[in-house]
Amino acid sequence: VVIALGAVWVCLRMRMLPMVLAFSVP
């Protein structure tokens, strides 16, 4: 839960979602 909330709080603000998806899917 902390990791998930942190992802929303930190990564979305820094527009890192494309990087996260580009890593996670492959």
PDB file of all heavy atoms in Angstrom:
ATOM      1  N   VAL A   1       0.841  -1.207   0.000  1.00  0.00           N
ATOM      2  CA  VAL A   1       0.000   0.000   0.000  1.00  0.00           C
ATOM      3  C   VAL A   1       0.871   1.249   0.000  1.00  0.00           C
ATOM      4  O   VAL A   1       0.606   2.203  -0.750  1.00  0.00           O
ATOM      5  CB  VAL A   1      -0.946  -0.008   1.217  1.00  0.00           C
ATOM      6  CG1 VAL A   1      -1.627   1.349   1.379  1.00  0.00           C
ATOM      7  CG2 VAL A   1      -2.000  -1.100   1.070  1.00  0.00           C
ATOM      8  N   VAL A   2       1.919   1.255   0.828  1.00  0.00           N
ATOM      9  CA  VAL A   2       2.828   2.403   0.853  1.00  0.00           C
ATOM     10  C   VAL A   2       3.489   2.588  -0.503  1.00  0.00           C
ATOM     11  O   VAL A   2       3.606   3.710  -1.014  1.00  0.00           O
ATOM     12  CB  VAL A   2       3.899   2.212   1.952  1.00  0.00           C
ATOM     13  CG1 VAL A   2       5.002   3.273   1.826  1.00  0.00           C
ATOM     14  CG2 VAL A   2       3.268   2.280   3.330  1.00  0.00           C
ATOM     15  N   ILE A   3       3.921   1.494  -1.128  1.00  0.00           N
ATOM     16  CA  ILE A   3       4.555   1.574  -2.442  1.00  0.00           C
ATOM     17  C   ILE A   3       3.577   2.106  -3.485  1.00  0.00           C
ATOM     18  O   ILE A   3       3.917   2.973  -4.299  1.00  0.00           O
ATOM     19  CB  ILE A   3       5.099   0.190  -2.858  1.00  0.00           C
ATOM     20  CG1 ILE A   3       6.276  -0.205  -1.959  1.00  0.00           C
ATOM     21  CG2 ILE A   3       5.541   0.197  -4.316  1.00  0.00           C
ATOM     22  CD1 ILE A   3       6.718  -1.650  -2.126  1.00  0.00           C
ATOM     23  N   ALA A   4       2.337   1.598  -3.459  1.00  0.00           N
ATOM     24  CA  ALA A   4       1.340   2.043  -4.436  1.00  0.00           C
ATOM     25  C   ALA A   4       0.995   3.523  -4.263  1.00  0.00           C
ATOM     26  O   ALA A   4       0.941   4.286  -5.237  1.00  0.00           O
ATOM     27  CB  ALA A   4       0.079   1.187  -4.311  1.00  0.00           C
ATOM     28  N   LEU A   5       0.781   3.932  -3.028  1.00  0.00           N
ATOM     29  CA  LEU A   5       0.479   5.344  -2.780  1.00  0.00           C
ATOM     30  C   LEU A   5       1.677   6.222  -3.136  1.00  0.00           C
ATOM     31  O   LEU A   5       1.524   7.323  -3.683  1.00  0.00           O
ATOM     32  CB  LEU A   5       0.100   5.538  -1.311  1.00  0.00           C
ATOM     33  CG  LEU A   5      -1.226   4.901  -0.873  1.00  0.00           C
ATOM     34  CD1 LEU A   5      -1.437   5.119   0.630  1.00  0.00           C
ATOM     35  CD2 LEU A   5      -2.396   5.475  -1.660  1.00  0.00           C
ATOM     36  N   GLY A   6       2.877   5.718  -2.831  1.00  0.00           N
ATOM     37  CA  GLY A   6       4.084   6.464  -3.184  1.00  0.00           C
ATOM     38  C   GLY A   6       4.237   6.621  -4.682  1.00  0.00           C
ATOM     39  O   GLY A   6       4.683   7.664  -5.166  1.00  0.00           O
ATOM     40  N   ALA A   7       3.863   5.578  -5.435  1.00  0.00           N
ATOM     41  CA  ALA A   7       3.947   5.657  -6.890  1.00  0.00           C
ATOM     42  C   ALA A   7       3.044   6.760  -7.433  1.00  0.00           C
ATOM     43  O   ALA A   7       3.430   7.528  -8.319  1.00  0.00           O
ATOM     44  CB  ALA A   7       3.571   4.313  -7.502  1.00  0.00           C
ATOM     45  N   VAL A   8       1.843   6.842  -6.877  1.00  0.00           N
ATOM     46  CA  VAL A   8       0.907   7.894  -7.314  1.00  0.00           C
ATOM     47  C   VAL A   8       1.419   9.265  -6.885  1.00  0.00           C
ATOM     48  O   VAL A   8       1.396  10.225  -7.663  1.00  0.00           O
ATOM     49  CB  VAL A   8      -0.493   7.636  -6.717  1.00  0.00           C
ATOM     50  CG1 VAL A   8      -1.429   8.802  -7.017  1.00  0.00           C
ATOM     51  CG2 VAL A   8      -1.064   6.331  -7.262  1.00  0.00           C
ATOM     52  N   TRP A   9       1.914   9.355  -5.678  1.00  0.00           N
ATOM     53  CA  TRP A   9       2.334  10.622  -5.088  1.00  0.00           C
ATOM     54  C   TRP A   9       3.620  11.157  -5.718  1.00  0.00           C
ATOM     55  O   TRP A   9       3.774  12.363  -5.899  1.00  0.00           O
ATOM     56  CB  TRP A   9       2.539  10.410  -3.595  1.00  0.00           C
ATOM     57  CG  TRP A   9       2.538  11.651  -2.767  1.00  0.00           C
ATOM     58  CD1 TRP A   9       1.814  12.791  -2.964  1.00  0.00           C
ATOM     59  CD2 TRP A   9       3.290  11.864  -1.568  1.00  0.00           C
ATOM     60  NE1 TRP A   9       2.064  13.702  -1.977  1.00  0.00           N
ATOM     61  CE2 TRP A   9       2.973  13.155  -1.107  1.00  0.00           C
ATOM     62  CE3 TRP A   9       4.188  11.076  -0.847  1.00  0.00           C
ATOM     63  CZ2 TRP A   9       3.539  13.697   0.048  1.00  0.00           C
ATOM     64  CZ3 TRP A   9       4.740  11.597   0.311  1.00  0.00           C
ATOM     65  CH2 TRP A   9       4.418  12.900   0.746  1.00  0.00           C
ATOM     66  N   VAL A  10       4.519  10.250  -6.087  1.00  0.00           N
ATOM     67  CA  VAL A  10       5.832  10.669  -6.580  1.00  0.00           C
ATOM     68  C   VAL A  10       5.938  10.546  -8.096  1.00  0.00           C
ATOM     69  O   VAL A  10       6.245  11.523  -8.792  1.00  0.00           O
ATOM     70  CB  VAL A  10       6.953   9.833  -5.912  1.00  0.00           C
ATOM     71  CG1 VAL A  10       8.322  10.211  -6.502  1.00  0.00           C
ATOM     72  CG2 VAL A  10       6.960  10.045  -4.408  1.00  0.00           C
ATOM     73  N   CYS A  11       5.682   9.351  -8.638  1.00  0.00           N
ATOM     74  CA  CYS A  11       5.960   9.102 -10.051  1.00  0.00           C
ATOM     75  C   CYS A  11       5.021   9.845 -10.994  1.00  0.00           C
ATOM     76  O   CYS A  11       5.442  10.351 -12.029  1.00  0.00           O
ATOM     77  CB  CYS A  11       5.909   7.604 -10.337  1.00  0.00           C
ATOM     78  SG  CYS A  11       7.254   6.697  -9.560  1.00  0.00           S
ATOM     79  N   LEU A  12       3.734   9.889 -10.655  1.00  0.00           N
ATOM     80  CA  LEU A  12       2.808  10.602 -11.530  1.00  0.00           C
ATOM     81  C   LEU A  12       3.151  12.081 -11.594  1.00  0.00           C
ATOM     82  O   LEU A  12       3.065  12.714 -12.653  1.00  0.00           O
ATOM     83  CB  LEU A  12       1.368  10.407 -11.055  1.00  0.00           C
ATOM     84  CG  LEU A  12       0.750   9.021 -11.298  1.00  0.00           C
ATOM     85  CD1 LEU A  12      -0.689   8.998 -10.828  1.00  0.00           C
ATOM     86  CD2 LEU A  12       0.846   8.640 -12.761  1.00  0.00           C
ATOM     87  N   ARG A  13       3.546  12.647 -10.479  1.00  0.00           N
ATOM     88  CA  ARG A  13       3.918  14.061 -10.447  1.00  0.00           C
ATOM     89  C   ARG A  13       5.117  14.346 -11.344  1.00  0.00           C
ATOM     90  O   ARG A  13       5.199  15.394 -11.977  1.00  0.00           O
ATOM     91  CB  ARG A  13       4.225  14.476  -9.008  1.00  0.00           C
ATOM     92  CG  ARG A  13       4.641  15.922  -8.845  1.00  0.00           C
ATOM     93  CD  ARG A  13       5.001  16.221  -7.401  1.00  0.00           C
ATOM     94  NE  ARG A  13       5.491  17.578  -7.226  1.00  0.00           N
ATOM     95  CZ  ARG A  13       4.729  18.627  -6.984  1.00  0.00           C
ATOM     96  NH1 ARG A  13       3.422  18.473  -6.895  1.00  0.00           N
ATOM     97  NH2 ARG A  13       5.250  19.825  -6.834  1.00  0.00           N
ATOM     98  N   MET A  14       6.037  13.382 -11.421  1.00  0.00           N
ATOM     99  CA  MET A  14       7.242  13.569 -12.229  1.00  0.00           C
ATOM    100  C   MET A  14       7.084  13.032 -13.653  1.00  0.00           C
ATOM    101  O   MET A  14       8.033  13.007 -14.414  1.00  0.00           O
ATOM    102  CB  MET A  14       8.435  12.890 -11.545  1.00  0.00           C
ATOM    103  CG  MET A  14       8.809  13.512 -10.231  1.00  0.00           C
ATOM    104  SD  MET A  14      10.387  12.919  -9.577  1.00  0.00           S
ATOM    105  CE  MET A  14      10.013  11.188  -9.285  1.00  0.00           C
ATOM    106  N   ARG A  15       5.873  12.582 -13.998  1.00  0.00           N
ATOM    107  CA  ARG A  15       5.566  12.087 -15.338  1.00  0.00           C
ATOM    108  C   ARG A  15       6.468  10.913 -15.719  1.00  0.00           C
ATOM    109  O   ARG A  15       7.005  10.839 -16.829  1.00  0.00           O
ATOM    110  CB  ARG A  15       5.688  13.208 -16.366  1.00  0.00           C
ATOM    111  CG  ARG A  15       4.648  14.305 -16.171  1.00  0.00           C
ATOM    112  CD  ARG A  15       4.875  15.472 -17.082  1.00  0.00           C
ATOM    113  NE  ARG A  15       3.823  16.473 -16.935  1.00  0.00           N
ATOM    114  CZ  ARG A  15       3.854  17.678 -17.484  1.00  0.00           C
ATOM    115  NH1 ARG A  15       4.906  18.037 -18.199  1.00  0.00           N
ATOM    116  NH2 ARG A  15       2.857  18.519 -17.304  1.00  0.00           N
ATOM    117  N   MET A  16       6.609   9.993 -14.796  1.00  0.00           N
ATOM    118  CA  MET A  16       7.459   8.826 -15.024  1.00  0.00           C
ATOM    119  C   MET A  16       6.667   7.574 -15.400  1.00  0.00           C
ATOM    120  O   MET A  16       7.256   6.507 -15.573  1.00  0.00           O
ATOM    121  CB  MET A  16       8.297   8.532 -13.772  1.00  0.00           C
ATOM    122  CG  MET A  16       9.404   9.524 -13.520  1.00  0.00           C
ATOM    123  SD  MET A  16      10.699   9.396 -14.793  1.00  0.00           S
ATOM    124  CE  MET A  16      11.787  10.739 -14.281  1.00  0.00           C
ATOM    125  N   LEU A  17       5.338   7.673 -15.522  1.00  0.00           N
ATOM    126  CA  LEU A  17       4.532   6.499 -15.829  1.00  0.00           C
ATOM    127  C   LEU A  17       4.953   5.820 -17.135  1.00  0.00           C
ATOM    128  O   LEU A  17       5.028   4.582 -17.184  1.00  0.00           O
ATOM    129  CB  LEU A  17       3.050   6.859 -15.866  1.00  0.00           C
ATOM    130  CG  LEU A  17       2.081   5.691 -16.082  1.00  0.00           C
ATOM    131  CD1 LEU A  17       2.252   4.634 -14.992  1.00  0.00           C
ATOM    132  CD2 LEU A  17       0.643   6.192 -16.115  1.00  0.00           C
ATOM    133  N   PRO A  18       5.243   6.565 -18.226  1.00  0.00           N
ATOM    134  CA  PRO A  18       5.693   5.879 -19.449  1.00  0.00           C
ATOM    135  C   PRO A  18       6.954   5.054 -19.228  1.00  0.00           C
ATOM    136  O   PRO A  18       7.082   3.947 -19.776  1.00  0.00           O
ATOM    137  CB  PRO A  18       5.946   7.039 -20.430  1.00  0.00           C
ATOM    138  CG  PRO A  18       5.044   8.123 -19.956  1.00  0.00           C
ATOM    139  CD  PRO A  18       5.049   8.017 -18.460  1.00  0.00           C
ATOM    140  N   MET A  19       7.883   5.576 -18.437  1.00  0.00           N
ATOM    141  CA  MET A  19       9.105   4.824 -18.144  1.00  0.00           C
ATOM    142  C   MET A  19       8.779   3.562 -17.350  1.00  0.00           C
ATOM    143  O   MET A  19       9.311   2.476 -17.634  1.00  0.00           O
ATOM    144  CB  MET A  19      10.071   5.707 -17.356  1.00  0.00           C
ATOM    145  CG  MET A  19      11.404   5.049 -17.015  1.00  0.00           C
ATOM    146  SD  MET A  19      11.355   4.031 -15.509  1.00  0.00           S
ATOM    147  CE  MET A  19      10.989   5.255 -14.256  1.00  0.00           C
ATOM    148  N   VAL A  20       7.895   3.688 -16.350  1.00  0.00           N
ATOM    149  CA  VAL A  20       7.527   2.539 -15.520  1.00  0.00           C
ATOM    150  C   VAL A  20       6.889   1.446 -16.378  1.00  0.00           C
ATOM    151  O   VAL A  20       7.226   0.260 -16.270  1.00  0.00           O
ATOM    152  CB  VAL A  20       6.576   2.977 -14.393  1.00  0.00           C
ATOM    153  CG1 VAL A  20       6.021   1.764 -13.654  1.00  0.00           C
ATOM    154  CG2 VAL A  20       7.290   3.911 -13.420  1.00  0.00           C
ATOM    155  N   LEU A  21       5.973   1.822 -17.256  1.00  0.00           N
ATOM    156  CA  LEU A  21       5.306   0.852 -18.124  1.00  0.00           C
ATOM    157  C   LEU A  21       6.284   0.253 -19.127  1.00  0.00           C
ATOM    158  O   LEU A  21       6.239  -0.952 -19.407  1.00  0.00           O
ATOM    159  CB  LEU A  21       4.141   1.511 -18.857  1.00  0.00           C
ATOM    160  CG  LEU A  21       2.960   1.947 -17.985  1.00  0.00           C
ATOM    161  CD1 LEU A  21       1.925   2.687 -18.818  1.00  0.00           C
ATOM    162  CD2 LEU A  21       2.330   0.740 -17.295  1.00  0.00           C
ATOM    163  N   ALA A  22       7.167   1.083 -19.675  1.00  0.00           N
ATOM    164  CA  ALA A  22       8.134   0.606 -20.661  1.00  0.00           C
ATOM    165  C   ALA A  22       9.100  -0.398 -20.058  1.00  0.00           C
ATOM    166  O   ALA A  22       9.621  -1.266 -20.763  1.00  0.00           O
ATOM    167  CB  ALA A  22       8.908   1.779 -21.260  1.00  0.00           C
ATOM    168  N   PHE A  23       9.340  -0.294 -18.761  1.00  0.00           N
ATOM    169  CA  PHE A  23      10.155  -1.296 -18.079  1.00  0.00           C
ATOM    170  C   PHE A  23       9.319  -2.508 -17.704  1.00  0.00           C
ATOM    171  O   PHE A  23       9.700  -3.649 -17.970  1.00  0.00           O
ATOM    172  CB  PHE A  23      10.792  -0.703 -16.822  1.00  0.00           C
ATOM    173  CG  PHE A  23      11.531  -1.730 -15.990  1.00  0.00           C
ATOM    174  CD1 PHE A  23      12.866  -1.986 -16.232  1.00  0.00           C
ATOM    175  CD2 PHE A  23      10.882  -2.440 -14.989  1.00  0.00           C
ATOM    176  CE1 PHE A  23      13.548  -2.945 -15.491  1.00  0.00           C
ATOM    177  CE2 PHE A  23      11.548  -3.394 -14.236  1.00  0.00           C
ATOM    178  CZ  PHE A  23      12.889  -3.645 -14.494  1.00  0.00           C
ATOM    179  N   SER A  24       8.194  -2.279 -17.066  1.00  0.00           N
ATOM    180  CA  SER A  24       7.440  -3.355 -16.423  1.00  0.00           C
ATOM    181  C   SER A  24       6.866  -4.364 -17.408  1.00  0.00           C
ATOM    182  O   SER A  24       6.897  -5.583 -17.148  1.00  0.00           O
ATOM    183  CB  SER A  24       6.310  -2.762 -15.581  1.00  0.00           C
ATOM    184  OG  SER A  24       6.824  -1.895 -14.596  1.00  0.00           O
ATOM    185  N   VAL A  25       6.340  -3.894 -18.530  1.00  0.00           N
ATOM    186  CA  VAL A  25       5.699  -4.814 -19.483  1.00  0.00           C
ATOM    187  C   VAL A  25       6.713  -5.773 -20.107  1.00  0.00           C
ATOM    188  O   VAL A  25       6.548  -6.998 -20.006  1.00  0.00           O
ATOM    189  CB  VAL A  25       4.908  -4.032 -20.548  1.00  0.00           C
ATOM    190  CG1 VAL A  25       4.389  -4.988 -21.623  1.00  0.00           C
ATOM    191  CG2 VAL A  25       3.745  -3.282 -19.913  1.00  0.00           C
ATOM    192  N   PRO A  26       7.774  -5.284 -20.757  1.00  0.00           N
ATOM    193  CA  PRO A  26       8.737  -6.253 -21.314  1.00  0.00           C
ATOM    194  C   PRO A  26       9.451  -7.069 -20.243  1.00  0.00           C
ATOM    195  O   PRO A  26       9.728  -8.253 -20.446  1.00  0.00           O
ATOM    196  CB  PRO A  26       9.718  -5.378 -22.104  1.00  0.00           C
ATOM    197  CG  PRO A  26       9.559  -4.007 -21.558  1.00  0.00           C
ATOM    198  CD  PRO A  26       8.143  -3.907 -21.112  1.00  0.00           C
TER     199      PRO A  26
END
